[in-house]
Amino acid sequence: MSDQEEKPPVFSSWKGWYVLVMSVALVQLIIYFLITNSFR
């Protein structure tokens, strides 16, 4: 086995994927909040 770290696809580091996932989750939360308030 090699000692090199596995590089993530698309982004240059895994931090990029973490930021993307958290951003998508935050956007979904905001959308669900707005939908819920519109049907009250």
PDB file of N, CA and C in Angstrom:
ATOM      1  N   MET A   1       0.834  -1.187   0.000  1.00  0.00           N
ATOM      2  CA  MET A   1       0.000   0.000   0.000  1.00  0.00           C
ATOM      3  C   MET A   1       0.877   1.248   0.000  1.00  0.00           C
ATOM      4  N   SER A   2       0.384   2.303  -0.621  1.00  0.00           N
ATOM      5  CA  SER A   2       1.144   3.550  -0.636  1.00  0.00           C
ATOM      6  C   SER A   2       0.710   4.434   0.526  1.00  0.00           C
ATOM      7  N   ASP A   3       1.610   5.339   0.900  1.00  0.00           N
ATOM      8  CA  ASP A   3       1.319   6.249   2.013  1.00  0.00           C
ATOM      9  C   ASP A   3       0.644   7.532   1.558  1.00  0.00           C
ATOM     10  N   GLN A   4       0.340   7.643   0.258  1.00  0.00           N
ATOM     11  CA  GLN A   4      -0.308   8.842  -0.245  1.00  0.00           C
ATOM     12  C   GLN A   4      -1.772   8.867   0.173  1.00  0.00           C
ATOM     13  N   GLU A   5      -2.237  10.078   0.485  1.00  0.00           N
ATOM     14  CA  GLU A   5      -3.652  10.226   0.824  1.00  0.00           C
ATOM     15  C   GLU A   5      -4.482  10.147  -0.443  1.00  0.00           C
ATOM     16  N   GLU A   6      -5.666   9.597  -0.316  1.00  0.00           N
ATOM     17  CA  GLU A   6      -6.584   9.525  -1.451  1.00  0.00           C
ATOM     18  C   GLU A   6      -7.152  10.913  -1.719  1.00  0.00           C
ATOM     19  N   LYS A   7      -7.058  11.373  -2.969  1.00  0.00           N
ATOM     20  CA  LYS A   7      -7.594  12.687  -3.322  1.00  0.00           C
ATOM     21  C   LYS A   7      -9.080  12.561  -3.636  1.00  0.00           C
ATOM     22  N   PRO A   8      -9.866  13.527  -3.180  1.00  0.00           N
ATOM     23  CA  PRO A   8     -11.297  13.504  -3.470  1.00  0.00           C
ATOM     24  C   PRO A   8     -11.562  13.872  -4.924  1.00  0.00           C
ATOM     25  N   PRO A   9     -12.638  13.337  -5.499  1.00  0.00           N
ATOM     26  CA  PRO A   9     -13.000  13.748  -6.854  1.00  0.00           C
ATOM     27  C   PRO A   9     -13.548  15.176  -6.865  1.00  0.00           C
ATOM     28  N   VAL A  10     -13.395  15.875  -7.945  1.00  0.00           N
ATOM     29  CA  VAL A  10     -13.912  17.219  -8.218  1.00  0.00           C
ATOM     30  C   VAL A  10     -13.163  18.309  -7.443  1.00  0.00           C
ATOM     31  N   PHE A  11     -13.232  18.308  -6.122  1.00  0.00           N
ATOM     32  CA  PHE A  11     -12.600  19.354  -5.323  1.00  0.00           C
ATOM     33  C   PHE A  11     -11.149  18.991  -5.029  1.00  0.00           C
ATOM     34  N   SER A  12     -10.363  19.989  -4.619  1.00  0.00           N
ATOM     35  CA  SER A  12      -8.954  19.739  -4.326  1.00  0.00           C
ATOM     36  C   SER A  12      -8.744  19.150  -2.931  1.00  0.00           C
ATOM     37  N   SER A  13      -9.770  19.257  -2.083  1.00  0.00           N
ATOM     38  CA  SER A  13      -9.667  18.676  -0.738  1.00  0.00           C
ATOM     39  C   SER A  13     -11.042  18.224  -0.271  1.00  0.00           C
ATOM     40  N   TRP A  14     -11.061  17.429   0.789  1.00  0.00           N
ATOM     41  CA  TRP A  14     -12.333  16.948   1.329  1.00  0.00           C
ATOM     42  C   TRP A  14     -13.126  18.086   1.957  1.00  0.00           C
ATOM     43  N   LYS A  15     -12.446  19.140   2.376  1.00  0.00           N
ATOM     44  CA  LYS A  15     -13.145  20.290   2.970  1.00  0.00           C
ATOM     45  C   LYS A  15     -14.166  20.871   1.997  1.00  0.00           C
ATOM     46  N   GLY A  16     -13.854  20.858   0.718  1.00  0.00           N
ATOM     47  CA  GLY A  16     -14.791  21.348  -0.288  1.00  0.00           C
ATOM     48  C   GLY A  16     -16.081  20.560  -0.291  1.00  0.00           C
ATOM     49  N   TRP A  17     -15.970  19.252  -0.147  1.00  0.00           N
ATOM     50  CA  TRP A  17     -17.179  18.411  -0.086  1.00  0.00           C
ATOM     51  C   TRP A  17     -17.988  18.689   1.167  1.00  0.00           C
ATOM     52  N   TYR A  18     -17.311  18.880   2.305  1.00  0.00           N
ATOM     53  CA  TYR A  18     -18.025  19.177   3.550  1.00  0.00           C
ATOM     54  C   TYR A  18     -18.787  20.492   3.438  1.00  0.00           C
ATOM     55  N   VAL A  19     -18.155  21.498   2.851  1.00  0.00           N
ATOM     56  CA  VAL A  19     -18.816  22.796   2.673  1.00  0.00           C
ATOM     57  C   VAL A  19     -20.012  22.655   1.740  1.00  0.00           C
ATOM     58  N   LEU A  20     -19.866  21.903   0.658  1.00  0.00           N
ATOM     59  CA  LEU A  20     -20.966  21.695  -0.284  1.00  0.00           C
ATOM     60  C   LEU A  20     -22.150  21.005   0.392  1.00  0.00           C
ATOM     61  N   VAL A  21     -21.887  19.959   1.138  1.00  0.00           N
ATOM     62  CA  VAL A  21     -22.965  19.209   1.797  1.00  0.00           C
ATOM     63  C   VAL A  21     -23.674  20.081   2.825  1.00  0.00           C
ATOM     64  N   MET A  22     -22.924  20.824   3.612  1.00  0.00           N
ATOM     65  CA  MET A  22     -23.547  21.686   4.615  1.00  0.00           C
ATOM     66  C   MET A  22     -24.334  22.819   3.956  1.00  0.00           C
ATOM     67  N   SER A  23     -23.852  23.338   2.837  1.00  0.00           N
ATOM     68  CA  SER A  23     -24.570  24.395   2.127  1.00  0.00           C
ATOM     69  C   SER A  23     -25.888  23.884   1.560  1.00  0.00           C
ATOM     70  N   VAL A  24     -25.866  22.698   0.973  1.00  0.00           N
ATOM     71  CA  VAL A  24     -27.094  22.113   0.427  1.00  0.00           C
ATOM     72  C   VAL A  24     -28.094  21.858   1.555  1.00  0.00           C
ATOM     73  N   ALA A  25     -27.615  21.358   2.693  1.00  0.00           N
ATOM     74  CA  ALA A  25     -28.512  21.106   3.823  1.00  0.00           C
ATOM     75  C   ALA A  25     -29.123  22.415   4.332  1.00  0.00           C
ATOM     76  N   LEU A  26     -28.332  23.473   4.381  1.00  0.00           N
ATOM     77  CA  LEU A  26     -28.843  24.766   4.838  1.00  0.00           C
ATOM     78  C   LEU A  26     -29.871  25.325   3.865  1.00  0.00           C
ATOM     79  N   VAL A  27     -29.615  25.214   2.572  1.00  0.00           N
ATOM     80  CA  VAL A  27     -30.574  25.684   1.573  1.00  0.00           C
ATOM     81  C   VAL A  27     -31.889  24.903   1.674  1.00  0.00           C
ATOM     82  N   GLN A  28     -31.798  23.594   1.847  1.00  0.00           N
ATOM     83  CA  GLN A  28     -33.010  22.784   2.003  1.00  0.00           C
ATOM     84  C   GLN A  28     -33.781  23.196   3.241  1.00  0.00           C
ATOM     85  N   LEU A  29     -33.090  23.453   4.334  1.00  0.00           N
ATOM     86  CA  LEU A  29     -33.744  23.877   5.568  1.00  0.00           C
ATOM     87  C   LEU A  29     -34.493  25.188   5.357  1.00  0.00           C
ATOM     88  N   ILE A  30     -33.877  26.132   4.676  1.00  0.00           N
ATOM     89  CA  ILE A  30     -34.528  27.416   4.409  1.00  0.00           C
ATOM     90  C   ILE A  30     -35.748  27.228   3.512  1.00  0.00           C
ATOM     91  N   ILE A  31     -35.617  26.409   2.477  1.00  0.00           N
ATOM     92  CA  ILE A  31     -36.748  26.154   1.572  1.00  0.00           C
ATOM     93  C   ILE A  31     -37.907  25.506   2.324  1.00  0.00           C
ATOM     94  N   TYR A  32     -37.622  24.514   3.144  1.00  0.00           N
ATOM     95  CA  TYR A  32     -38.686  23.848   3.910  1.00  0.00           C
ATOM     96  C   TYR A  32     -39.342  24.815   4.886  1.00  0.00           C
ATOM     97  N   PHE A  33     -38.550  25.694   5.490  1.00  0.00           N
ATOM     98  CA  PHE A  33     -39.093  26.695   6.399  1.00  0.00           C
ATOM     99  C   PHE A  33     -40.057  27.631   5.662  1.00  0.00           C
ATOM    100  N   LEU A  34     -39.653  28.094   4.483  1.00  0.00           N
ATOM    101  CA  LEU A  34     -40.493  29.011   3.708  1.00  0.00           C
ATOM    102  C   LEU A  34     -41.773  28.308   3.244  1.00  0.00           C
ATOM    103  N   ILE A  35     -41.668  27.062   2.819  1.00  0.00           N
ATOM    104  CA  ILE A  35     -42.859  26.311   2.393  1.00  0.00           C
ATOM    105  C   ILE A  35     -43.804  26.107   3.560  1.00  0.00           C
ATOM    106  N   THR A  36     -43.281  25.771   4.714  1.00  0.00           N
ATOM    107  CA  THR A  36     -44.103  25.551   5.901  1.00  0.00           C
ATOM    108  C   THR A  36     -44.833  26.836   6.301  1.00  0.00           C
ATOM    109  N   ASN A  37     -44.126  27.954   6.270  1.00  0.00           N
ATOM    110  CA  ASN A  37     -44.769  29.218   6.642  1.00  0.00           C
ATOM    111  C   ASN A  37     -45.806  29.675   5.632  1.00  0.00           C
ATOM    112  N   SER A  38     -45.654  29.305   4.378  1.00  0.00           N
ATOM    113  CA  SER A  38     -46.622  29.745   3.375  1.00  0.00           C
ATOM    114  C   SER A  38     -47.946  28.990   3.496  1.00  0.00           C
ATOM    115  N   PHE A  39     -47.971  27.831   4.132  1.00  0.00           N
ATOM    116  CA  PHE A  39     -49.201  27.051   4.259  1.00  0.00           C
ATOM    117  C   PHE A  39     -49.805  27.114   5.654  1.00  0.00           C
ATOM    118  N   ARG A  40     -49.364  28.039   6.480  1.00  0.00           N
ATOM    119  CA  ARG A  40     -49.938  28.179   7.814  1.00  0.00           C
ATOM    120  C   ARG A  40     -51.256  28.880   7.754  1.00  0.00           C
TER     121      ARG A  40
END
